[in-house]
Amino acid sequence: MGERKDPEPTAERRPTLIVAAASRLSPVQQAWKRYVDHSLYVCDTCRRVDGSPCGTAEELYRTYRAQADAAFDEVARSGGSSKRDGNPVASGESFGQSVDVQ
């Protein structure tokens, strides 16, 4: 009730607000999200512990890989590193294989 109220900080001193609702996922992130959402939350076949992924999950994964490969290629063309060692998407691992990252 009688607390002291400091004056409002100036614009230069206010913290920057990050508004998540205004942000968007990259195409690669969107593709991965579609795959994960399907595999973990939508599809009963994919959620079975002893089952293998369904055809839709495999297609979503291939779409994700294609998006990631395109992104890596774009970075390489723009002067970024084209090294893909240790990245399961860029190294061409097929669906469901484990990858040893060193």
N, C-alpha and C. Protein backbone atom coordinates (compact mmCIF):
# COMPACT_ATOMS: atom_id res chain seq x y z
N MET A 1 0.81 -1.18 0.00
CA MET A 1 0.00 0.00 0.00
C MET A 1 0.85 1.25 0.00
N GLY A 2 1.75 1.37 0.90
CA GLY A 2 2.57 2.57 0.93
C GLY A 2 3.98 2.29 0.42
N GLU A 3 4.14 1.24 -0.43
CA GLU A 3 5.48 0.91 -0.90
C GLU A 3 6.01 2.00 -1.82
N ARG A 4 7.30 2.10 -1.81
CA ARG A 4 7.96 3.05 -2.70
C ARG A 4 7.93 2.49 -4.11
N LYS A 5 7.64 3.32 -5.08
CA LYS A 5 7.64 2.91 -6.49
C LYS A 5 8.71 3.68 -7.22
N ASP A 6 9.67 2.93 -7.73
CA ASP A 6 10.74 3.58 -8.49
C ASP A 6 10.18 4.05 -9.83
N PRO A 7 10.78 5.10 -10.38
CA PRO A 7 10.30 5.57 -11.69
C PRO A 7 10.52 4.51 -12.77
N GLU A 8 9.69 4.53 -13.80
CA GLU A 8 9.79 3.61 -14.95
C GLU A 8 11.16 3.78 -15.61
N PRO A 9 11.87 2.68 -15.90
CA PRO A 9 13.18 2.81 -16.55
C PRO A 9 13.04 3.42 -17.95
N THR A 10 14.08 4.07 -18.38
CA THR A 10 14.07 4.66 -19.72
C THR A 10 14.10 3.57 -20.76
N ALA A 11 13.80 3.92 -22.00
CA ALA A 11 13.74 2.92 -23.08
C ALA A 11 15.07 2.20 -23.25
N GLU A 12 16.16 2.88 -23.05
CA GLU A 12 17.49 2.25 -23.22
C GLU A 12 17.76 1.21 -22.14
N ARG A 13 17.11 1.34 -21.00
CA ARG A 13 17.38 0.44 -19.89
C ARG A 13 16.37 -0.67 -19.75
N ARG A 14 15.32 -0.65 -20.54
CA ARG A 14 14.31 -1.71 -20.46
C ARG A 14 14.86 -2.99 -21.09
N PRO A 15 14.55 -4.13 -20.49
CA PRO A 15 15.00 -5.38 -21.09
C PRO A 15 14.28 -5.63 -22.41
N THR A 16 14.97 -6.28 -23.31
CA THR A 16 14.37 -6.64 -24.58
C THR A 16 13.41 -7.80 -24.36
N LEU A 17 12.23 -7.68 -24.87
CA LEU A 17 11.24 -8.73 -24.75
C LEU A 17 11.29 -9.62 -25.97
N ILE A 18 11.30 -10.90 -25.75
CA ILE A 18 11.25 -11.86 -26.84
C ILE A 18 9.85 -12.44 -26.86
N VAL A 19 9.16 -12.22 -27.93
CA VAL A 19 7.78 -12.67 -28.03
C VAL A 19 7.74 -13.93 -28.87
N ALA A 20 7.51 -15.05 -28.22
CA ALA A 20 7.53 -16.33 -28.92
C ALA A 20 6.37 -16.48 -29.89
N ALA A 21 5.25 -15.86 -29.59
CA ALA A 21 4.09 -16.01 -30.46
C ALA A 21 4.32 -15.39 -31.83
N ALA A 22 5.23 -14.44 -31.91
CA ALA A 22 5.50 -13.77 -33.18
C ALA A 22 6.60 -14.46 -33.97
N SER A 23 7.23 -15.47 -33.39
CA SER A 23 8.32 -16.14 -34.09
C SER A 23 7.80 -17.35 -34.85
N ARG A 24 8.61 -17.81 -35.79
CA ARG A 24 8.25 -18.98 -36.58
C ARG A 24 9.41 -19.95 -36.61
N LEU A 25 9.07 -21.21 -36.75
CA LEU A 25 10.11 -22.22 -36.90
C LEU A 25 10.62 -22.21 -38.32
N SER A 26 11.87 -22.59 -38.49
CA SER A 26 12.43 -22.71 -39.82
C SER A 26 11.77 -23.89 -40.53
N PRO A 27 11.89 -23.99 -41.85
CA PRO A 27 11.31 -25.14 -42.55
C PRO A 27 11.84 -26.49 -42.02
N VAL A 28 13.11 -26.53 -41.67
CA VAL A 28 13.68 -27.78 -41.13
C VAL A 28 13.03 -28.10 -39.78
N GLN A 29 12.89 -27.10 -38.93
CA GLN A 29 12.28 -27.31 -37.63
C GLN A 29 10.81 -27.71 -37.77
N GLN A 30 10.12 -27.11 -38.72
CA GLN A 30 8.72 -27.47 -38.97
C GLN A 30 8.59 -28.92 -39.41
N ALA A 31 9.49 -29.34 -40.30
CA ALA A 31 9.45 -30.73 -40.78
C ALA A 31 9.73 -31.70 -39.63
N TRP A 32 10.72 -31.38 -38.79
CA TRP A 32 11.04 -32.23 -37.65
C TRP A 32 9.86 -32.29 -36.68
N LYS A 33 9.23 -31.15 -36.43
CA LYS A 33 8.07 -31.10 -35.53
C LYS A 33 6.93 -31.97 -36.05
N ARG A 34 6.67 -31.92 -37.35
CA ARG A 34 5.60 -32.76 -37.92
C ARG A 34 5.93 -34.24 -37.71
N TYR A 35 7.18 -34.61 -37.92
CA TYR A 35 7.60 -36.00 -37.73
C TYR A 35 7.45 -36.41 -36.26
N VAL A 36 7.97 -35.60 -35.35
CA VAL A 36 7.92 -35.93 -33.92
C VAL A 36 6.48 -35.97 -33.42
N ASP A 37 5.69 -34.96 -33.78
CA ASP A 37 4.29 -34.94 -33.35
C ASP A 37 3.56 -36.20 -33.80
N HIS A 38 3.77 -36.58 -35.06
CA HIS A 38 3.11 -37.79 -35.57
C HIS A 38 3.58 -39.02 -34.80
N SER A 39 4.90 -39.16 -34.68
CA SER A 39 5.47 -40.37 -34.07
C SER A 39 5.16 -40.52 -32.59
N LEU A 40 5.11 -39.41 -31.87
CA LEU A 40 4.93 -39.48 -30.42
C LEU A 40 3.50 -39.27 -29.95
N TYR A 41 2.70 -38.54 -30.72
CA TYR A 41 1.40 -38.16 -30.20
C TYR A 41 0.20 -38.60 -31.05
N VAL A 42 0.39 -38.76 -32.34
CA VAL A 42 -0.75 -39.00 -33.22
C VAL A 42 -0.95 -40.48 -33.55
N CYS A 43 0.12 -41.15 -33.88
CA CYS A 43 0.02 -42.49 -34.46
C CYS A 43 0.21 -43.59 -33.40
N ASP A 44 -0.80 -44.43 -33.28
CA ASP A 44 -0.71 -45.56 -32.35
C ASP A 44 0.35 -46.56 -32.78
N THR A 45 0.51 -46.78 -34.08
CA THR A 45 1.50 -47.71 -34.58
C THR A 45 2.91 -47.26 -34.21
N CYS A 46 3.19 -45.98 -34.38
CA CYS A 46 4.52 -45.45 -34.07
C CYS A 46 4.81 -45.45 -32.57
N ARG A 47 3.77 -45.32 -31.76
CA ARG A 47 3.96 -45.24 -30.31
C ARG A 47 4.19 -46.60 -29.67
N ARG A 48 3.89 -47.66 -30.37
CA ARG A 48 4.11 -48.99 -29.79
C ARG A 48 5.59 -49.21 -29.55
N VAL A 49 5.91 -49.75 -28.40
CA VAL A 49 7.31 -49.98 -28.04
C VAL A 49 7.96 -51.00 -28.95
N ASP A 50 7.23 -52.05 -29.29
CA ASP A 50 7.81 -53.11 -30.09
C ASP A 50 7.53 -52.95 -31.59
N GLY A 51 6.84 -51.92 -31.97
CA GLY A 51 6.49 -51.73 -33.38
C GLY A 51 7.50 -50.87 -34.10
N SER A 52 7.43 -50.92 -35.41
CA SER A 52 8.29 -50.06 -36.20
C SER A 52 7.46 -48.88 -36.70
N PRO A 53 8.11 -47.82 -37.16
CA PRO A 53 7.37 -46.64 -37.63
C PRO A 53 6.47 -46.98 -38.82
N CYS A 54 5.38 -46.26 -38.91
CA CYS A 54 4.45 -46.48 -40.03
C CYS A 54 4.97 -45.76 -41.28
N GLY A 55 4.31 -46.00 -42.38
CA GLY A 55 4.71 -45.39 -43.65
C GLY A 55 4.65 -43.88 -43.62
N THR A 56 3.67 -43.32 -42.94
CA THR A 56 3.56 -41.87 -42.84
C THR A 56 4.76 -41.29 -42.09
N ALA A 57 5.17 -41.94 -41.00
CA ALA A 57 6.33 -41.48 -40.24
C ALA A 57 7.59 -41.53 -41.09
N GLU A 58 7.75 -42.60 -41.85
CA GLU A 58 8.92 -42.70 -42.72
C GLU A 58 8.94 -41.59 -43.76
N GLU A 59 7.77 -41.27 -44.31
CA GLU A 59 7.68 -40.19 -45.30
C GLU A 59 7.97 -38.83 -44.64
N LEU A 60 7.45 -38.60 -43.45
CA LEU A 60 7.73 -37.36 -42.74
C LEU A 60 9.22 -37.23 -42.43
N TYR A 61 9.85 -38.33 -42.08
CA TYR A 61 11.29 -38.31 -41.81
C TYR A 61 12.08 -38.00 -43.08
N ARG A 62 11.68 -38.61 -44.20
CA ARG A 62 12.36 -38.33 -45.47
C ARG A 62 12.20 -36.86 -45.85
N THR A 63 11.02 -36.31 -45.60
CA THR A 63 10.79 -34.89 -45.88
C THR A 63 11.70 -34.03 -45.01
N TYR A 64 11.81 -34.38 -43.75
CA TYR A 64 12.71 -33.66 -42.85
C TYR A 64 14.15 -33.72 -43.36
N ARG A 65 14.59 -34.92 -43.74
CA ARG A 65 15.97 -35.06 -44.25
C ARG A 65 16.19 -34.23 -45.49
N ALA A 66 15.22 -34.20 -46.40
CA ALA A 66 15.34 -33.41 -47.62
C ALA A 66 15.45 -31.93 -47.29
N GLN A 67 14.64 -31.46 -46.33
CA GLN A 67 14.69 -30.06 -45.92
C GLN A 67 16.05 -29.74 -45.30
N ALA A 68 16.55 -30.63 -44.46
CA ALA A 68 17.84 -30.40 -43.80
C ALA A 68 18.97 -30.41 -44.82
N ASP A 69 18.95 -31.34 -45.75
CA ASP A 69 19.98 -31.39 -46.79
C ASP A 69 19.98 -30.10 -47.61
N ALA A 70 18.80 -29.61 -47.95
CA ALA A 70 18.70 -28.37 -48.71
C ALA A 70 19.27 -27.21 -47.90
N ALA A 71 19.00 -27.19 -46.61
CA ALA A 71 19.53 -26.12 -45.75
C ALA A 71 21.05 -26.19 -45.66
N PHE A 72 21.60 -27.40 -45.51
CA PHE A 72 23.06 -27.56 -45.47
C PHE A 72 23.68 -27.10 -46.78
N ASP A 73 23.07 -27.48 -47.89
CA ASP A 73 23.60 -27.08 -49.19
C ASP A 73 23.56 -25.56 -49.36
N GLU A 74 22.51 -24.93 -48.89
CA GLU A 74 22.40 -23.48 -48.99
C GLU A 74 23.48 -22.79 -48.16
N VAL A 75 23.74 -23.32 -46.97
CA VAL A 75 24.80 -22.75 -46.14
C VAL A 75 26.15 -22.94 -46.83
N ALA A 76 26.38 -24.10 -47.41
CA ALA A 76 27.64 -24.36 -48.09
C ALA A 76 27.83 -23.42 -49.28
N ARG A 77 26.76 -23.19 -50.05
CA ARG A 77 26.86 -22.29 -51.20
C ARG A 77 27.11 -20.85 -50.78
N SER A 78 26.62 -20.47 -49.61
CA SER A 78 26.76 -19.08 -49.18
C SER A 78 28.09 -18.83 -48.47
N GLY A 79 28.96 -19.81 -48.46
CA GLY A 79 30.27 -19.62 -47.88
C GLY A 79 30.43 -20.21 -46.50
N GLY A 80 29.41 -20.83 -45.98
CA GLY A 80 29.50 -21.48 -44.67
C GLY A 80 30.21 -22.81 -44.81
N SER A 81 30.37 -23.47 -43.72
CA SER A 81 31.02 -24.76 -43.72
C SER A 81 30.17 -25.79 -44.44
N SER A 82 30.79 -26.60 -45.25
CA SER A 82 30.05 -27.68 -45.90
C SER A 82 30.34 -29.01 -45.23
N LYS A 83 31.07 -28.97 -44.12
CA LYS A 83 31.40 -30.19 -43.40
C LYS A 83 30.14 -30.77 -42.77
N ARG A 84 29.87 -32.02 -43.05
CA ARG A 84 28.65 -32.67 -42.54
C ARG A 84 28.97 -33.82 -41.61
N ASP A 85 30.22 -33.97 -41.22
CA ASP A 85 30.60 -35.09 -40.36
C ASP A 85 29.86 -35.04 -39.04
N GLY A 86 29.37 -36.18 -38.61
CA GLY A 86 28.72 -36.27 -37.33
C GLY A 86 27.26 -35.88 -37.33
N ASN A 87 26.74 -35.43 -38.45
CA ASN A 87 25.33 -35.05 -38.51
C ASN A 87 24.58 -36.16 -39.22
N PRO A 88 23.67 -36.85 -38.52
CA PRO A 88 22.99 -38.00 -39.13
C PRO A 88 22.14 -37.61 -40.34
N VAL A 89 21.60 -36.42 -40.34
CA VAL A 89 20.77 -36.01 -41.48
C VAL A 89 21.66 -35.77 -42.68
N ALA A 90 22.73 -35.01 -42.48
CA ALA A 90 23.58 -34.64 -43.59
C ALA A 90 24.46 -35.79 -44.07
N SER A 91 24.74 -36.74 -43.20
CA SER A 91 25.61 -37.83 -43.61
C SER A 91 24.87 -38.95 -44.33
N GLY A 92 23.56 -38.79 -44.49
CA GLY A 92 22.81 -39.75 -45.29
C GLY A 92 22.34 -40.97 -44.54
N GLU A 93 22.28 -40.90 -43.22
CA GLU A 93 21.79 -42.04 -42.46
C GLU A 93 20.35 -42.31 -42.84
N SER A 94 20.00 -43.57 -42.94
CA SER A 94 18.61 -43.89 -43.29
C SER A 94 17.76 -43.90 -42.03
N PHE A 95 16.48 -43.93 -42.24
CA PHE A 95 15.49 -43.86 -41.17
C PHE A 95 15.73 -44.95 -40.14
N GLY A 96 15.77 -44.56 -38.87
CA GLY A 96 15.82 -45.51 -37.78
C GLY A 96 17.20 -46.04 -37.43
N GLN A 97 18.25 -45.65 -38.15
CA GLN A 97 19.57 -46.14 -37.80
C GLN A 97 20.18 -45.29 -36.71
N SER A 98 20.95 -45.94 -35.85
CA SER A 98 21.63 -45.17 -34.82
C SER A 98 22.93 -44.61 -35.42
N VAL A 99 23.37 -43.51 -34.87
CA VAL A 99 24.55 -42.84 -35.40
C VAL A 99 25.54 -42.65 -34.27
N ASP A 100 26.79 -42.95 -34.52
CA ASP A 100 27.86 -42.74 -33.55
C ASP A 100 28.47 -41.38 -33.82
N VAL A 101 28.22 -40.41 -32.95
CA VAL A 101 28.79 -39.07 -33.13
C VAL A 101 30.03 -38.99 -32.28
N GLN A 102 31.12 -38.62 -32.90
CA GLN A 102 32.40 -38.56 -32.18
C GLN A 102 32.79 -37.14 -31.90
